[in-house]
Each structure stands twice: as C-alpha cells, then as structure tokens.
Amino acid sequence: MEKLVKTTLLASIVLLAMIYSVIAGENENLFLNQTMVPLVRQFVKQNRLAETNLSTNDIIKYRVTFFKEERSGCLANLKLKCGYFFDVWSDGTNAEVRDFGDANVRTYYNLSDAPKEKIEAVKKLNLSNKLNEKTALELAEKFFELQGHKKSNFHSPEIHQCNWVGTDAEGWGPLPYYQIKWYRKDVTQTERESGLSTVPEIVIEVSGVTSNLVAYHKYGSLPIGKDF
C-alpha cells in the first residue's frame, strides 16, 4: 500500500511538472510572437538595419525568463540568422529592446598571438573608414534620438574609436568603428569611473564603413521607454 501511494505521488509530481512545462512553453511562445518579434521588427526598421522582413523563421534561438513571485515581466533574448542579437526587458505592461548587437562586426581585436598576416589584414580595415570623431558622434546622436533619448537628460557624450591591440612591438591601432557613451545627468564622476553596470548610461557603436548602428546598450536603472 505504501509503495502504491509513493508511486501515485511520484506520478502526480511528474504530471504537474509536465503541465507546468507546457504552460511555460506556451507563455514563452506567446511573448515571442506578440511582443519580441514586433519589437525587433520596429527596432530594425527605425534604425535602418539591413534585415527588414523578419519572421520567426529567421530566429536561431530565443529564451524568455519570467520573473518569479509577485514581480511581473521578464527578460528575454533572441538571435537571428543574419547575426543580430537582441535583449528585451518587460515589466509586464511595457517592453523594449534593451540591447542590440551585430555578431558580424568585431569592434575589438586582441592580436598578441596572431600571425603577422592577420595583423596586417586587421590594420587595413581602417582604410575603409569614412568617419571621424565629429561625424561619428553626429551619426550616433541620430541613433540616440531614434531610441527616444533626450540630450538634456544626459551629460555630454564620451567618444572612443575602437581599436586592436597586438604585441609590444606592434602596439595598437584604430578600427573603423566608434563607441559613444552617454551618462544620465544624475550620475556623478565617481560613479562614472566605477564601471558598475548599475550606472544609468547609454552606449552606442557605429560603423565607419557602412554608417550603420552596430550596437546599442541601455544600462542601469533607466526605466522602460524613458530616461527617468
């Protein structure tokens, strides 16, 4: 009798786990189709990225992690066949693309162990650069505003040309990409220098080859759809 009870109990637990798994899977699929895909389409279109007609067939993988207990919303990410990857954040009511990157673009190379031929090839990449710090900043500011951010809510931006590093003999050199950072107005200099991921900031990377957006990151306590 005791063995039968244990067997029945185990079977019930397994069944409940299966039901939960099915429901969770359905919720993930629902969030993918009703929220993630439309958000990604909108992001791709408004930032004039190369791939515009996206469907679920273009997705290599995705994951949705719902918050537990009484907190609504989730964190989700997906990767597309073209190399784009996105992080989406939802509070249960609103959602936005929090991070974007293009896996086809490398904005940093460590060439300390690379053969000379590789180093020479990377050095030549900057020959195709059509931007300088001024025009790269102007381009980045357009993408900054396309995401709904306002310059008045942030400190003056910091711009850095991406680079490769090599051996002591080779040193380092520039790449045809630029990274621009905006810290929110309430961020102190000490917080800016801390490097903490909780500091509210926007990071944008642009290409000097294609003039495209190659990365967007919204860090820290910046709320969904707003700067404050």
Protein backbone atom coordinates (compact mmCIF):
# COMPACT_ATOMS: atom_id res chain seq x y z
CA MET A 1 0.00 0.00 0.00
CA GLU A 2 2.80 2.41 0.94
CA LYS A 3 4.58 1.62 -2.31
CA LEU A 4 1.40 2.33 -4.28
CA VAL A 5 0.98 5.71 -2.54
CA LYS A 6 4.59 6.67 -3.31
CA THR A 7 4.19 5.60 -6.93
CA THR A 8 0.96 7.58 -7.27
CA LEU A 9 2.53 10.64 -5.65
CA LEU A 10 5.55 10.47 -7.95
CA ALA A 11 3.30 10.14 -10.98
CA SER A 12 1.33 13.20 -9.85
CA ILE A 13 4.51 15.24 -9.43
CA VAL A 14 5.72 14.25 -12.89
CA LEU A 15 2.34 15.13 -14.40
CA LEU A 16 2.30 18.54 -12.71
CA ALA A 17 5.83 19.20 -13.94
CA MET A 18 4.78 18.32 -17.48
CA ILE A 19 1.73 20.58 -17.26
CA TYR A 20 3.87 23.45 -15.91
CA SER A 21 6.41 22.91 -18.70
CA VAL A 22 3.69 23.05 -21.35
CA ILE A 23 2.18 26.22 -19.86
CA ALA A 24 5.60 27.86 -19.55
CA GLY A 25 6.38 26.94 -23.14
CA GLU A 26 3.09 28.39 -24.32
CA ASN A 27 3.74 31.62 -22.39
CA GLU A 28 7.22 31.91 -23.88
CA ASN A 29 5.89 31.35 -27.38
CA LEU A 30 3.14 33.91 -26.78
CA PHE A 31 5.66 36.52 -25.60
CA LEU A 32 7.88 35.76 -28.58
CA ASN A 33 5.14 36.26 -31.16
CA GLN A 34 3.16 39.05 -29.54
CA THR A 35 5.97 41.13 -28.05
CA MET A 36 9.51 40.19 -29.06
CA VAL A 37 9.09 39.83 -32.81
CA PRO A 38 7.11 43.10 -33.21
CA LEU A 39 9.68 44.96 -31.05
CA VAL A 40 12.59 43.60 -33.06
CA ARG A 41 10.88 44.47 -36.34
CA GLN A 42 10.29 48.01 -35.11
CA PHE A 43 13.89 48.37 -33.89
CA VAL A 44 15.31 47.09 -37.19
CA LYS A 45 13.08 49.40 -39.22
CA GLN A 46 13.61 52.59 -37.19
CA ASN A 47 17.39 52.12 -37.16
CA ARG A 48 17.55 51.31 -40.88
CA LEU A 49 19.25 47.97 -40.36
CA ALA A 50 19.79 45.64 -43.32
CA GLU A 51 17.22 42.96 -42.46
CA THR A 52 13.69 44.36 -42.57
CA ASN A 53 11.31 41.45 -43.27
CA LEU A 54 11.76 39.39 -40.12
CA SER A 55 9.74 36.33 -39.20
CA THR A 56 10.04 33.52 -36.66
CA ASN A 57 11.83 31.50 -39.37
CA ASP A 58 14.76 33.93 -39.06
CA ILE A 59 15.26 33.11 -35.38
CA ILE A 60 18.10 30.74 -34.48
CA LYS A 61 17.28 30.64 -30.79
CA TYR A 62 15.44 32.56 -28.11
CA ARG A 63 14.87 32.43 -24.38
CA VAL A 64 12.30 34.02 -22.09
CA THR A 65 12.86 34.15 -18.32
CA PHE A 66 9.80 35.29 -16.40
CA PHE A 67 10.32 37.00 -13.06
CA LYS A 68 9.22 34.96 -10.06
CA GLU A 69 6.83 35.58 -7.18
CA GLU A 70 4.86 38.85 -7.35
CA ARG A 71 7.10 40.68 -9.86
CA SER A 72 5.57 40.99 -13.32
CA GLY A 73 7.51 40.86 -16.55
CA CYS A 74 10.54 39.05 -17.89
CA LEU A 75 13.94 39.22 -19.50
CA ALA A 76 14.27 37.71 -22.97
CA ASN A 77 16.80 37.39 -25.76
CA LEU A 78 16.91 36.11 -29.29
CA LYS A 79 19.45 35.64 -32.07
CA LEU A 80 18.70 35.89 -35.80
CA LYS A 81 20.28 34.05 -38.71
CA CYS A 82 21.71 37.31 -40.03
CA GLY A 83 23.82 37.68 -36.86
CA TYR A 84 21.73 40.25 -35.00
CA PHE A 85 21.02 39.57 -31.34
CA PHE A 86 18.61 41.36 -29.01
CA ASP A 87 17.80 41.56 -25.30
CA VAL A 88 14.25 42.55 -24.40
CA TRP A 89 13.01 43.68 -20.99
CA SER A 90 9.35 43.69 -19.96
CA ASP A 91 7.73 44.92 -16.74
CA GLY A 92 4.52 43.07 -17.53
CA THR A 93 2.90 46.12 -19.14
CA ASN A 94 5.59 47.71 -21.28
CA ALA A 95 8.57 46.23 -23.08
CA GLU A 96 11.59 47.46 -25.03
CA VAL A 97 14.78 46.34 -26.76
CA ARG A 98 17.44 46.85 -24.11
CA ASP A 99 20.45 45.59 -26.05
CA PHE A 100 21.31 45.05 -29.70
CA GLY A 101 24.44 43.80 -31.39
CA ASP A 102 25.65 42.58 -34.76
CA ALA A 103 27.76 39.42 -34.42
CA ASN A 104 29.21 40.03 -37.90
CA VAL A 105 31.08 43.11 -36.68
CA ARG A 106 34.12 42.96 -34.41
CA THR A 107 34.92 46.25 -32.71
CA TYR A 108 37.97 44.89 -30.86
CA TYR A 109 40.81 42.51 -31.73
CA ASN A 110 43.47 41.06 -29.46
CA LEU A 111 46.31 40.21 -31.85
CA SER A 112 49.03 39.49 -29.32
CA ASP A 113 49.29 35.88 -30.55
CA ALA A 114 48.19 36.44 -34.14
CA PRO A 115 50.45 35.79 -37.15
CA LYS A 116 51.84 38.82 -38.96
CA GLU A 117 49.48 38.26 -41.92
CA LYS A 118 46.46 38.57 -39.62
CA ILE A 119 47.81 41.73 -38.04
CA GLU A 120 48.42 43.31 -41.43
CA ALA A 121 44.88 42.40 -42.56
CA VAL A 122 43.33 43.99 -39.45
CA LYS A 123 45.47 47.11 -39.89
CA LYS A 124 43.97 47.60 -43.34
CA LEU A 125 40.40 47.61 -42.02
CA ASN A 126 40.63 51.25 -41.03
CA LEU A 127 41.42 52.22 -44.63
CA SER A 128 37.68 51.81 -45.35
CA ASN A 129 36.71 54.21 -42.55
CA LYS A 130 34.55 57.08 -43.83
CA LEU A 131 34.02 58.72 -40.44
CA ASN A 132 36.00 60.77 -37.95
CA GLU A 133 35.14 61.54 -34.32
CA LYS A 134 32.95 64.51 -35.30
CA THR A 135 30.90 62.73 -37.96
CA ALA A 136 30.73 59.53 -35.90
CA LEU A 137 29.27 61.50 -32.99
CA GLU A 138 26.73 63.16 -35.27
CA LEU A 139 25.69 59.75 -36.58
CA ALA A 140 25.47 58.25 -33.09
CA GLU A 141 23.35 61.16 -31.89
CA LYS A 142 20.79 60.36 -34.59
CA PHE A 143 20.52 56.76 -33.36
CA PHE A 144 20.44 58.04 -29.76
CA GLU A 145 17.39 60.19 -30.54
CA LEU A 146 15.74 57.41 -32.57
CA GLN A 147 15.58 55.36 -29.36
CA GLY A 148 13.67 58.19 -27.69
CA HIS A 149 16.50 59.58 -25.56
CA LYS A 150 16.91 63.32 -24.93
CA LYS A 151 20.31 65.00 -24.78
CA SER A 152 19.11 67.29 -21.99
CA ASN A 153 18.80 64.27 -19.68
CA PHE A 154 22.44 63.25 -20.10
CA HIS A 155 25.96 64.53 -19.63
CA SER A 156 27.98 65.37 -22.73
CA PRO A 157 28.86 62.16 -24.58
CA GLU A 158 32.24 60.44 -24.49
CA ILE A 159 33.54 59.12 -27.81
CA HIS A 160 36.19 56.49 -28.39
CA GLN A 161 37.44 54.98 -31.65
CA CYS A 162 37.56 51.21 -31.30
CA ASN A 163 40.95 49.59 -31.69
CA TRP A 164 43.02 46.45 -31.96
CA VAL A 165 45.95 45.59 -29.70
CA GLY A 166 48.95 43.50 -30.62
CA THR A 167 52.35 42.60 -29.25
CA ASP A 168 54.60 45.16 -27.59
CA ALA A 169 56.32 45.58 -30.94
CA GLU A 170 53.08 46.07 -32.87
CA GLY A 171 51.37 48.20 -30.24
CA TRP A 172 47.79 49.01 -31.19
CA GLY A 173 45.83 50.63 -33.98
CA PRO A 174 42.42 52.05 -34.88
CA LEU A 175 39.41 50.18 -36.28
CA PRO A 176 36.65 51.76 -38.39
CA TYR A 177 34.15 51.74 -35.51
CA TYR A 178 33.29 54.24 -32.80
CA GLN A 179 31.79 53.81 -29.32
CA ILE A 180 29.85 56.68 -27.77
CA LYS A 181 28.64 56.79 -24.15
CA TRP A 182 26.02 58.97 -22.52
CA TYR A 183 25.75 59.02 -18.70
CA ARG A 184 22.48 60.27 -17.26
CA LYS A 185 22.60 63.73 -15.66
CA ASP A 186 22.31 62.38 -12.10
CA VAL A 187 25.41 60.18 -12.45
CA THR A 188 28.43 61.54 -10.56
CA GLN A 189 32.02 61.46 -11.78
CA THR A 190 32.85 58.85 -9.15
CA GLU A 191 30.04 56.63 -10.42
CA ARG A 192 31.20 57.14 -14.00
CA GLU A 193 34.66 55.91 -13.08
CA SER A 194 33.37 52.95 -11.07
CA GLY A 195 32.47 50.85 -14.11
CA LEU A 196 29.40 49.45 -12.35
CA SER A 197 26.67 48.06 -14.61
CA THR A 198 24.02 49.68 -12.38
CA VAL A 199 25.04 53.18 -13.51
CA PRO A 200 22.38 54.53 -15.91
CA GLU A 201 24.06 55.02 -19.27
CA ILE A 202 23.53 54.55 -22.99
CA VAL A 203 26.25 53.04 -25.19
CA ILE A 204 26.07 53.16 -28.97
CA GLU A 205 28.57 51.83 -31.52
CA VAL A 206 28.54 52.90 -35.16
CA SER A 207 30.37 51.70 -38.24
CA GLY A 208 32.65 53.96 -40.25
CA VAL A 209 32.35 51.51 -43.14
CA THR A 210 28.56 51.32 -43.55
CA SER A 211 27.39 54.17 -41.27
CA ASN A 212 25.15 51.59 -39.60
CA LEU A 213 24.32 51.07 -35.96
CA VAL A 214 26.34 48.04 -34.81
CA ALA A 215 25.48 48.03 -31.08
CA TYR A 216 23.07 49.62 -28.62
CA HIS A 217 23.06 49.10 -24.85
CA LYS A 218 20.80 50.60 -22.21
CA TYR A 219 22.37 50.03 -18.81
CA GLY A 220 21.47 50.51 -15.19
CA SER A 221 18.28 51.88 -13.72
CA LEU A 222 16.99 53.56 -16.89
CA PRO A 223 13.24 52.75 -16.99
CA ILE A 224 11.43 51.25 -19.96
CA GLY A 225 10.68 53.87 -22.59
CA LYS A 226 12.06 56.76 -20.53
CA ASP A 227 15.29 58.36 -19.37
CA PHE A 228 14.00 58.97 -15.83
